[in-house]
Amino acid sequence: MPKKWLRTEAVCSRYGDVVPRSIERAVKDGRLPKPEYPLGNKVPFWDEEKLDEHDRQVVTKHLAAELEPATAA
């Protein structure tokens, strides 16, 4: 099956109708994977499978942190 590429507008919608600048900041901060440029121009695209995998990792990490017993201070 061919890759499904998402443009910035679709990524904005995917993460709660945020503005494109929020996506740029999330990439810069490492909260989202970097886009690719499959057409060789300056238009960024994200591989939907990579975003899905990234989201799964974030959720797994978050759930693991919630399940860890709290340490006594």
Protein backbone atom coordinates (compact mmCIF):
# COMPACT_ATOMS: atom_id res chain seq x y z
CA MET A 1 0.00 0.00 0.00
CA PRO A 2 1.41 3.43 -0.90
CA LYS A 3 2.34 5.91 1.80
CA LYS A 4 -0.24 8.44 2.82
CA TRP A 5 1.32 11.88 3.05
CA LEU A 6 -0.23 14.64 5.15
CA ARG A 7 0.32 18.31 4.48
CA THR A 8 0.61 20.83 7.28
CA GLU A 9 -3.11 21.65 7.21
CA ALA A 10 -4.01 17.98 7.77
CA VAL A 11 -1.51 17.69 10.63
CA CYS A 12 -3.03 20.82 12.18
CA SER A 13 -6.47 19.20 12.04
CA ARG A 14 -5.15 15.91 13.38
CA TYR A 15 -3.86 17.60 16.53
CA GLY A 16 -6.90 19.69 17.39
CA ASP A 17 -7.15 22.35 14.70
CA VAL A 18 -3.97 24.07 15.84
CA VAL A 19 -2.26 26.72 13.73
CA PRO A 20 0.71 25.80 11.52
CA ARG A 21 3.10 27.65 13.83
CA SER A 22 2.14 25.24 16.63
CA ILE A 23 3.17 22.33 14.43
CA GLU A 24 6.49 24.03 13.66
CA ARG A 25 7.13 24.52 17.40
CA ALA A 26 6.18 20.91 18.18
CA VAL A 27 8.68 19.69 15.57
CA LYS A 28 11.38 22.03 16.89
CA ASP A 29 10.75 20.86 20.47
CA GLY A 30 10.80 17.19 19.46
CA ARG A 31 7.12 16.64 20.26
CA LEU A 32 6.43 15.69 16.64
CA PRO A 33 8.65 14.00 14.07
CA LYS A 34 10.27 16.17 11.43
CA PRO A 35 8.47 16.46 8.11
CA GLU A 36 9.84 15.07 4.88
CA TYR A 37 10.08 16.75 1.51
CA PRO A 38 9.24 13.96 -0.97
CA LEU A 39 8.60 16.34 -3.86
CA GLY A 40 11.98 17.98 -3.48
CA ASN A 41 10.53 21.39 -2.81
CA LYS A 42 9.88 23.43 0.30
CA VAL A 43 6.44 21.96 1.04
CA PRO A 44 6.60 19.75 4.13
CA PHE A 45 4.73 16.45 4.29
CA TRP A 46 4.38 13.96 7.15
CA ASP A 47 4.14 10.22 6.64
CA GLU A 48 0.88 9.23 8.34
CA GLU A 49 2.34 5.90 9.51
CA LYS A 50 5.23 7.70 11.23
CA LEU A 51 2.80 10.04 12.99
CA ASP A 52 0.71 7.02 14.08
CA GLU A 53 3.81 5.30 15.49
CA HIS A 54 4.93 8.50 17.23
CA ASP A 55 1.48 8.90 18.81
CA ARG A 56 1.53 5.28 20.03
CA GLN A 57 4.94 5.81 21.64
CA VAL A 58 3.79 9.00 23.37
CA VAL A 59 0.68 7.29 24.77
CA THR A 60 2.66 4.24 25.90
CA LYS A 61 5.23 6.44 27.65
CA HIS A 62 2.49 8.48 29.32
CA LEU A 63 0.65 5.37 30.53
CA ALA A 64 3.86 3.82 31.84
CA ALA A 65 4.60 6.99 33.80
CA GLU A 66 1.11 6.92 35.33
CA LEU A 67 1.53 3.30 36.38
CA GLU A 68 4.89 3.81 38.09
CA PRO A 69 4.52 3.90 41.86
CA ALA A 70 5.08 7.32 43.34
CA THR A 71 8.33 7.66 45.21
CA ALA A 72 8.23 8.87 48.78
CA ALA A 73 9.72 12.31 49.25
